[in-house]
């Protein structure tokens, strides 16, 4: 049992009626999620506030069924 395997991170997103589509950009094909934050207008014109963060994941299952989640995450293990 000396085979090395990396950890796979699988994200499941479930959009709701009030899903924050203005602040979240989910791209399952690239495996990325971008979180956007509006800059604070009171901070002034020169504002070094970070306004977005980008995260990369192994797999993103956007609005996926429970069967899809099982097939993508557990079938290899079980």
PDB file of N, CA and C in Angstrom:
ATOM      1  N   UNK A   1       0.803  -1.196   0.000  1.00  0.00           N
ATOM      2  CA  UNK A   1       0.000   0.000   0.000  1.00  0.00           C
ATOM      3  C   UNK A   1       0.848   1.263   0.000  1.00  0.00           C
ATOM      4  N   UNK A   2       1.786   1.358  -0.869  1.00  0.00           N
ATOM      5  CA  UNK A   2       2.628   2.536  -0.915  1.00  0.00           C
ATOM      6  C   UNK A   2       2.250   3.475  -2.055  1.00  0.00           C
ATOM      7  N   UNK A   3       1.107   3.243  -2.694  1.00  0.00           N
ATOM      8  CA  UNK A   3       0.704   4.135  -3.787  1.00  0.00           C
ATOM      9  C   UNK A   3       0.274   5.483  -3.225  1.00  0.00           C
ATOM     10  N   UNK A   4       0.793   6.535  -3.835  1.00  0.00           N
ATOM     11  CA  UNK A   4       0.460   7.889  -3.387  1.00  0.00           C
ATOM     12  C   UNK A   4      -0.683   8.428  -4.230  1.00  0.00           C
ATOM     13  N   UNK A   5      -1.651   8.999  -3.552  1.00  0.00           N
ATOM     14  CA  UNK A   5      -2.764   9.621  -4.234  1.00  0.00           C
ATOM     15  C   UNK A   5      -2.978  11.002  -3.638  1.00  0.00           C
ATOM     16  N   UNK A   6      -3.342  11.928  -4.494  1.00  0.00           N
ATOM     17  CA  UNK A   6      -3.620  13.269  -3.997  1.00  0.00           C
ATOM     18  C   UNK A   6      -5.074  13.358  -3.526  1.00  0.00           C
ATOM     19  N   UNK A   7      -5.334  14.340  -2.725  1.00  0.00           N
ATOM     20  CA  UNK A   7      -6.687  14.580  -2.238  1.00  0.00           C
ATOM     21  C   UNK A   7      -7.487  15.258  -3.341  1.00  0.00           C
ATOM     22  N   UNK A   8      -8.663  14.743  -3.624  1.00  0.00           N
ATOM     23  CA  UNK A   8      -9.551  15.359  -4.614  1.00  0.00           C
ATOM     24  C   UNK A   8     -10.596  16.176  -3.874  1.00  0.00           C
ATOM     25  N   UNK A   9     -10.758  17.394  -4.285  1.00  0.00           N
ATOM     26  CA  UNK A   9     -11.776  18.255  -3.681  1.00  0.00           C
ATOM     27  C   UNK A   9     -12.916  18.386  -4.676  1.00  0.00           C
ATOM     28  N   UNK A  10     -14.097  17.967  -4.233  1.00  0.00           N
ATOM     29  CA  UNK A  10     -15.293  18.036  -5.067  1.00  0.00           C
ATOM     30  C   UNK A  10     -16.270  18.980  -4.396  1.00  0.00           C
ATOM     31  N   UNK A  11     -16.701  19.983  -5.138  1.00  0.00           N
ATOM     32  CA  UNK A  11     -17.638  20.985  -4.627  1.00  0.00           C
ATOM     33  C   UNK A  11     -19.003  20.731  -5.240  1.00  0.00           C
ATOM     34  N   UNK A  12     -20.022  20.725  -4.397  1.00  0.00           N
ATOM     35  CA  UNK A  12     -21.396  20.610  -4.886  1.00  0.00           C
ATOM     36  C   UNK A  12     -22.116  21.913  -4.569  1.00  0.00           C
ATOM     37  N   UNK A  13     -22.634  22.560  -5.591  1.00  0.00           N
ATOM     38  CA  UNK A  13     -23.391  23.798  -5.384  1.00  0.00           C
ATOM     39  C   UNK A  13     -24.850  23.525  -5.688  1.00  0.00           C
ATOM     40  N   UNK A  14     -25.698  24.108  -4.887  1.00  0.00           N
ATOM     41  CA  UNK A  14     -27.136  23.946  -5.059  1.00  0.00           C
ATOM     42  C   UNK A  14     -27.776  25.321  -5.088  1.00  0.00           C
ATOM     43  N   UNK A  15     -27.951  25.913  -6.266  1.00  0.00           N
ATOM     44  CA  UNK A  15     -28.567  27.238  -6.348  1.00  0.00           C
ATOM     45  C   UNK A  15     -29.981  27.234  -5.763  1.00  0.00           C
ATOM     46  N   UNK A  16     -30.313  28.298  -5.080  1.00  0.00           N
ATOM     47  CA  UNK A  16     -31.640  28.459  -4.515  1.00  0.00           C
ATOM     48  C   UNK A  16     -32.305  29.658  -5.177  1.00  0.00           C
ATOM     49  N   UNK A  17     -33.505  29.955  -4.750  1.00  0.00           N
ATOM     50  CA  UNK A  17     -34.221  31.102  -5.317  1.00  0.00           C
ATOM     51  C   UNK A  17     -33.457  32.398  -5.095  1.00  0.00           C
ATOM     52  N   UNK A  18     -32.728  32.484  -3.980  1.00  0.00           N
ATOM     53  CA  UNK A  18     -31.962  33.699  -3.699  1.00  0.00           C
ATOM     54  C   UNK A  18     -30.454  33.446  -3.812  1.00  0.00           C
ATOM     55  N   UNK A  19     -30.053  32.620  -4.802  1.00  0.00           N
ATOM     56  CA  UNK A  19     -28.646  32.307  -5.047  1.00  0.00           C
ATOM     57  C   UNK A  19     -27.876  33.594  -5.349  1.00  0.00           C
ATOM     58  N   UNK A  20     -26.735  33.746  -4.774  1.00  0.00           N
ATOM     59  CA  UNK A  20     -25.942  34.977  -4.897  1.00  0.00           C
ATOM     60  C   UNK A  20     -25.199  35.029  -6.231  1.00  0.00           C
ATOM     61  N   UNK A  21     -25.936  34.967  -7.329  1.00  0.00           N
ATOM     62  CA  UNK A  21     -25.297  34.962  -8.651  1.00  0.00           C
ATOM     63  C   UNK A  21     -24.539  36.254  -8.937  1.00  0.00           C
ATOM     64  N   UNK A  22     -24.904  37.324  -8.259  1.00  0.00           N
ATOM     65  CA  UNK A  22     -24.184  38.593  -8.421  1.00  0.00           C
ATOM     66  C   UNK A  22     -22.775  38.501  -7.822  1.00  0.00           C
ATOM     67  N   UNK A  23     -22.627  37.702  -6.773  1.00  0.00           N
ATOM     68  CA  UNK A  23     -21.362  37.610  -6.070  1.00  0.00           C
ATOM     69  C   UNK A  23     -20.585  36.323  -6.341  1.00  0.00           C
ATOM     70  N   UNK A  24     -21.229  35.332  -6.933  1.00  0.00           N
ATOM     71  CA  UNK A  24     -20.565  34.053  -7.189  1.00  0.00           C
ATOM     72  C   UNK A  24     -20.597  33.730  -8.674  1.00  0.00           C
ATOM     73  N   UNK A  25     -19.439  33.345  -9.194  1.00  0.00           N
ATOM     74  CA  UNK A  25     -19.337  32.904 -10.579  1.00  0.00           C
ATOM     75  C   UNK A  25     -18.813  31.472 -10.544  1.00  0.00           C
ATOM     76  N   UNK A  26     -19.673  30.524 -10.855  1.00  0.00           N
ATOM     77  CA  UNK A  26     -19.323  29.109 -10.808  1.00  0.00           C
ATOM     78  C   UNK A  26     -19.106  28.621 -12.229  1.00  0.00           C
ATOM     79  N   UNK A  27     -17.925  28.051 -12.500  1.00  0.00           N
ATOM     80  CA  UNK A  27     -17.613  27.526 -13.833  1.00  0.00           C
ATOM     81  C   UNK A  27     -17.182  26.066 -13.701  1.00  0.00           C
ATOM     82  N   UNK A  28     -18.141  25.128 -13.788  1.00  0.00           N
ATOM     83  CA  UNK A  28     -17.808  23.709 -13.635  1.00  0.00           C
ATOM     84  C   UNK A  28     -16.822  23.193 -14.686  1.00  0.00           C
ATOM     85  N   UNK A  29     -16.852  23.731 -15.899  1.00  0.00           N
ATOM     86  CA  UNK A  29     -15.949  23.245 -16.950  1.00  0.00           C
ATOM     87  C   UNK A  29     -14.483  23.537 -16.627  1.00  0.00           C
ATOM     88  N   UNK A  30     -14.215  24.642 -15.943  1.00  0.00           N
ATOM     89  CA  UNK A  30     -12.842  24.994 -15.551  1.00  0.00           C
ATOM     90  C   UNK A  30     -12.538  24.602 -14.109  1.00  0.00           C
ATOM     91  N   UNK A  31     -13.572  24.223 -13.355  1.00  0.00           N
ATOM     92  CA  UNK A  31     -13.380  23.859 -11.956  1.00  0.00           C
ATOM     93  C   UNK A  31     -13.077  25.058 -11.078  1.00  0.00           C
ATOM     94  N   UNK A  32     -13.646  26.216 -11.422  1.00  0.00           N
ATOM     95  CA  UNK A  32     -13.351  27.431 -10.662  1.00  0.00           C
ATOM     96  C   UNK A  32     -14.611  28.055 -10.072  1.00  0.00           C
ATOM     97  N   UNK A  33     -14.396  28.714  -8.945  1.00  0.00           N
ATOM     98  CA  UNK A  33     -15.417  29.544  -8.329  1.00  0.00           C
ATOM     99  C   UNK A  33     -14.774  30.893  -8.052  1.00  0.00           C
ATOM    100  N   UNK A  34     -15.422  31.956  -8.532  1.00  0.00           N
ATOM    101  CA  UNK A  34     -14.935  33.316  -8.296  1.00  0.00           C
ATOM    102  C   UNK A  34     -15.933  33.989  -7.361  1.00  0.00           C
ATOM    103  N   UNK A  35     -15.418  34.529  -6.265  1.00  0.00           N
ATOM    104  CA  UNK A  35     -16.236  35.272  -5.313  1.00  0.00           C
ATOM    105  C   UNK A  35     -15.947  36.742  -5.525  1.00  0.00           C
ATOM    106  N   UNK A  36     -17.003  37.504  -5.810  1.00  0.00           N
ATOM    107  CA  UNK A  36     -16.856  38.933  -6.087  1.00  0.00           C
ATOM    108  C   UNK A  36     -17.430  39.736  -4.932  1.00  0.00           C
ATOM    109  N   UNK A  37     -16.710  40.780  -4.566  1.00  0.00           N
ATOM    110  CA  UNK A  37     -17.130  41.649  -3.472  1.00  0.00           C
ATOM    111  C   UNK A  37     -17.043  43.089  -3.963  1.00  0.00           C
ATOM    112  N   UNK A  38     -18.143  43.803  -3.898  1.00  0.00           N
ATOM    113  CA  UNK A  38     -18.132  45.206  -4.316  1.00  0.00           C
ATOM    114  C   UNK A  38     -17.217  46.013  -3.409  1.00  0.00           C
ATOM    115  N   UNK A  39     -16.486  46.952  -4.006  1.00  0.00           N
ATOM    116  CA  UNK A  39     -15.608  47.817  -3.217  1.00  0.00           C
ATOM    117  C   UNK A  39     -16.426  48.780  -2.375  1.00  0.00           C
ATOM    118  N   UNK A  40     -15.892  49.094  -1.235  1.00  0.00           N
ATOM    119  CA  UNK A  40     -16.539  50.031  -0.327  1.00  0.00           C
ATOM    120  C   UNK A  40     -16.350  51.442  -0.868  1.00  0.00           C
ATOM    121  N   UNK A  41     -17.426  52.071  -1.267  1.00  0.00           N
ATOM    122  CA  UNK A  41     -17.374  53.415  -1.848  1.00  0.00           C
ATOM    123  C   UNK A  41     -16.849  54.448  -0.845  1.00  0.00           C
ATOM    124  N   UNK A  42     -17.065  54.226   0.434  1.00  0.00           N
ATOM    125  CA  UNK A  42     -16.625  55.173   1.456  1.00  0.00           C
ATOM    126  C   UNK A  42     -15.104  55.172   1.636  1.00  0.00           C
ATOM    127  N   UNK A  43     -14.427  54.154   1.094  1.00  0.00           N
ATOM    128  CA  UNK A  43     -12.975  54.066   1.232  1.00  0.00           C
ATOM    129  C   UNK A  43     -12.252  55.034   0.303  1.00  0.00           C
ATOM    130  N   UNK A  44     -12.975  55.630  -0.627  1.00  0.00           N
ATOM    131  CA  UNK A  44     -12.362  56.617  -1.517  1.00  0.00           C
ATOM    132  C   UNK A  44     -11.988  56.050  -2.870  1.00  0.00           C
ATOM    133  N   UNK A  45     -11.465  56.937  -3.707  1.00  0.00           N
ATOM    134  CA  UNK A  45     -11.129  56.568  -5.078  1.00  0.00           C
ATOM    135  C   UNK A  45      -9.949  55.600  -5.132  1.00  0.00           C
ATOM    136  N   UNK A  46      -8.890  55.881  -4.360  1.00  0.00           N
ATOM    137  CA  UNK A  46      -7.738  54.985  -4.300  1.00  0.00           C
ATOM    138  C   UNK A  46      -8.047  53.973  -3.207  1.00  0.00           C
ATOM    139  N   UNK A  47      -8.397  52.767  -3.648  1.00  0.00           N
ATOM    140  CA  UNK A  47      -8.862  51.743  -2.723  1.00  0.00           C
ATOM    141  C   UNK A  47      -8.200  50.425  -3.109  1.00  0.00           C
ATOM    142  N   UNK A  48      -7.356  49.901  -2.241  1.00  0.00           N
ATOM    143  CA  UNK A  48      -6.650  48.656  -2.522  1.00  0.00           C
ATOM    144  C   UNK A  48      -7.385  47.428  -2.004  1.00  0.00           C
ATOM    145  N   UNK A  49      -8.649  47.583  -1.728  1.00  0.00           N
ATOM    146  CA  UNK A  49      -9.459  46.473  -1.234  1.00  0.00           C
ATOM    147  C   UNK A  49      -9.553  45.388  -2.310  1.00  0.00           C
ATOM    148  N   UNK A  50      -9.342  44.146  -1.929  1.00  0.00           N
ATOM    149  CA  UNK A  50      -9.489  43.039  -2.865  1.00  0.00           C
ATOM    150  C   UNK A  50     -10.962  42.882  -3.197  1.00  0.00           C
ATOM    151  N   UNK A  51     -11.263  42.822  -4.488  1.00  0.00           N
ATOM    152  CA  UNK A  51     -12.676  42.754  -4.862  1.00  0.00           C
ATOM    153  C   UNK A  51     -13.087  41.404  -5.431  1.00  0.00           C
ATOM    154  N   UNK A  52     -12.141  40.476  -5.601  1.00  0.00           N
ATOM    155  CA  UNK A  52     -12.527  39.138  -6.010  1.00  0.00           C
ATOM    156  C   UNK A  52     -11.453  38.121  -5.646  1.00  0.00           C
ATOM    157  N   UNK A  53     -11.917  36.901  -5.391  1.00  0.00           N
ATOM    158  CA  UNK A  53     -11.044  35.785  -5.063  1.00  0.00           C
ATOM    159  C   UNK A  53     -11.421  34.639  -5.986  1.00  0.00           C
ATOM    160  N   UNK A  54     -10.414  33.938  -6.507  1.00  0.00           N
ATOM    161  CA  UNK A  54     -10.659  32.829  -7.425  1.00  0.00           C
ATOM    162  C   UNK A  54     -10.094  31.553  -6.807  1.00  0.00           C
ATOM    163  N   UNK A  55     -10.919  30.500  -6.808  1.00  0.00           N
ATOM    164  CA  UNK A  55     -10.527  29.219  -6.244  1.00  0.00           C
ATOM    165  C   UNK A  55     -10.653  28.133  -7.305  1.00  0.00           C
ATOM    166  N   UNK A  56      -9.693  27.215  -7.327  1.00  0.00           N
ATOM    167  CA  UNK A  56      -9.663  26.109  -8.282  1.00  0.00           C
ATOM    168  C   UNK A  56      -9.910  24.811  -7.516  1.00  0.00           C
ATOM    169  N   UNK A  57     -10.799  23.967  -8.039  1.00  0.00           N
ATOM    170  CA  UNK A  57     -11.131  22.696  -7.408  1.00  0.00           C
ATOM    171  C   UNK A  57     -11.022  21.575  -8.426  1.00  0.00           C
ATOM    172  N   UNK A  58     -10.926  20.355  -7.938  1.00  0.00           N
ATOM    173  CA  UNK A  58     -10.828  19.201  -8.823  1.00  0.00           C
ATOM    174  C   UNK A  58     -12.080  19.029  -9.660  1.00  0.00           C
ATOM    175  N   UNK A  59     -13.221  19.119  -9.024  1.00  0.00           N
ATOM    176  CA  UNK A  59     -14.506  18.951  -9.703  1.00  0.00           C
ATOM    177  C   UNK A  59     -15.541  19.859  -9.056  1.00  0.00           C
ATOM    178  N   UNK A  60     -16.375  20.472  -9.875  1.00  0.00           N
ATOM    179  CA  UNK A  60     -17.509  21.240  -9.357  1.00  0.00           C
ATOM    180  C   UNK A  60     -18.771  20.630  -9.948  1.00  0.00           C
ATOM    181  N   UNK A  61     -19.663  20.220  -9.075  1.00  0.00           N
ATOM    182  CA  UNK A  61     -20.941  19.665  -9.482  1.00  0.00           C
ATOM    183  C   UNK A  61     -21.991  20.727  -9.201  1.00  0.00           C
ATOM    184  N   UNK A  62     -22.340  21.468 -10.228  1.00  0.00           N
ATOM    185  CA  UNK A  62     -23.271  22.593 -10.086  1.00  0.00           C
ATOM    186  C   UNK A  62     -24.691  22.098 -10.289  1.00  0.00           C
ATOM    187  N   UNK A  63     -25.501  22.216  -9.247  1.00  0.00           N
ATOM    188  CA  UNK A  63     -26.894  21.782  -9.260  1.00  0.00           C
ATOM    189  C   UNK A  63     -26.999  20.305  -9.630  1.00  0.00           C
ATOM    190  N   UNK A  64     -26.145  19.491  -9.042  1.00  0.00           N
ATOM    191  CA  UNK A  64     -26.078  18.067  -9.359  1.00  0.00           C
ATOM    192  C   UNK A  64     -27.005  17.260  -8.462  1.00  0.00           C
ATOM    193  N   UNK A  65     -27.466  16.144  -9.000  1.00  0.00           N
ATOM    194  CA  UNK A  65     -28.308  15.241  -8.222  1.00  0.00           C
ATOM    195  C   UNK A  65     -27.438  14.429  -7.263  1.00  0.00           C
ATOM    196  N   UNK A  66     -28.079  13.761  -6.320  1.00  0.00           N
ATOM    197  CA  UNK A  66     -27.354  12.927  -5.367  1.00  0.00           C
ATOM    198  C   UNK A  66     -26.644  11.787  -6.090  1.00  0.00           C
ATOM    199  N   UNK A  67     -27.254  11.256  -7.146  1.00  0.00           N
ATOM    200  CA  UNK A  67     -26.627  10.192  -7.926  1.00  0.00           C
ATOM    201  C   UNK A  67     -25.339  10.669  -8.590  1.00  0.00           C
ATOM    202  N   UNK A  68     -25.349  11.874  -9.146  1.00  0.00           N
ATOM    203  CA  UNK A  68     -24.143  12.439  -9.767  1.00  0.00           C
ATOM    204  C   UNK A  68     -23.031  12.618  -8.733  1.00  0.00           C
ATOM    205  N   UNK A  69     -23.399  13.084  -7.559  1.00  0.00           N
ATOM    206  CA  UNK A  69     -22.412  13.273  -6.494  1.00  0.00           C
ATOM    207  C   UNK A  69     -21.788  11.929  -6.130  1.00  0.00           C
ATOM    208  N   UNK A  70     -22.607  10.913  -5.974  1.00  0.00           N
ATOM    209  CA  UNK A  70     -22.110   9.569  -5.642  1.00  0.00           C
ATOM    210  C   UNK A  70     -21.192   9.046  -6.736  1.00  0.00           C
ATOM    211  N   UNK A  71     -21.614   9.171  -7.989  1.00  0.00           N
ATOM    212  CA  UNK A  71     -20.810   8.653  -9.109  1.00  0.00           C
ATOM    213  C   UNK A  71     -19.451   9.353  -9.204  1.00  0.00           C
ATOM    214  N   UNK A  72     -19.400  10.637  -8.933  1.00  0.00           N
ATOM    215  CA  UNK A  72     -18.160  11.396  -9.061  1.00  0.00           C
ATOM    216  C   UNK A  72     -17.252  11.321  -7.845  1.00  0.00           C
ATOM    217  N   UNK A  73     -17.799  10.933  -6.695  1.00  0.00           N
ATOM    218  CA  UNK A  73     -16.966  10.985  -5.503  1.00  0.00           C
ATOM    219  C   UNK A  73     -16.777   9.657  -4.784  1.00  0.00           C
ATOM    220  N   UNK A  74     -17.745   8.766  -4.834  1.00  0.00           N
ATOM    221  CA  UNK A  74     -17.664   7.582  -3.981  1.00  0.00           C
ATOM    222  C   UNK A  74     -17.460   6.263  -4.715  1.00  0.00           C
ATOM    223  N   UNK A  75     -17.758   6.212  -5.986  1.00  0.00           N
ATOM    224  CA  UNK A  75     -17.705   4.910  -6.685  1.00  0.00           C
ATOM    225  C   UNK A  75     -16.291   4.314  -6.698  1.00  0.00           C
ATOM    226  N   UNK A  76     -15.261   5.108  -6.801  1.00  0.00           N
ATOM    227  CA  UNK A  76     -13.884   4.590  -6.797  1.00  0.00           C
ATOM    228  C   UNK A  76     -13.499   4.019  -5.446  1.00  0.00           C
ATOM    229  N   UNK A  77     -14.038   4.611  -4.397  1.00  0.00           N
ATOM    230  CA  UNK A  77     -13.680   4.202  -3.040  1.00  0.00           C
ATOM    231  C   UNK A  77     -14.418   2.928  -2.634  1.00  0.00           C
ATOM    232  N   UNK A  78     -15.687   2.861  -3.011  1.00  0.00           N
ATOM    233  CA  UNK A  78     -16.528   1.739  -2.578  1.00  0.00           C
ATOM    234  C   UNK A  78     -16.413   0.620  -3.528  1.00  0.00           C
TER     235      UNK A  78
END
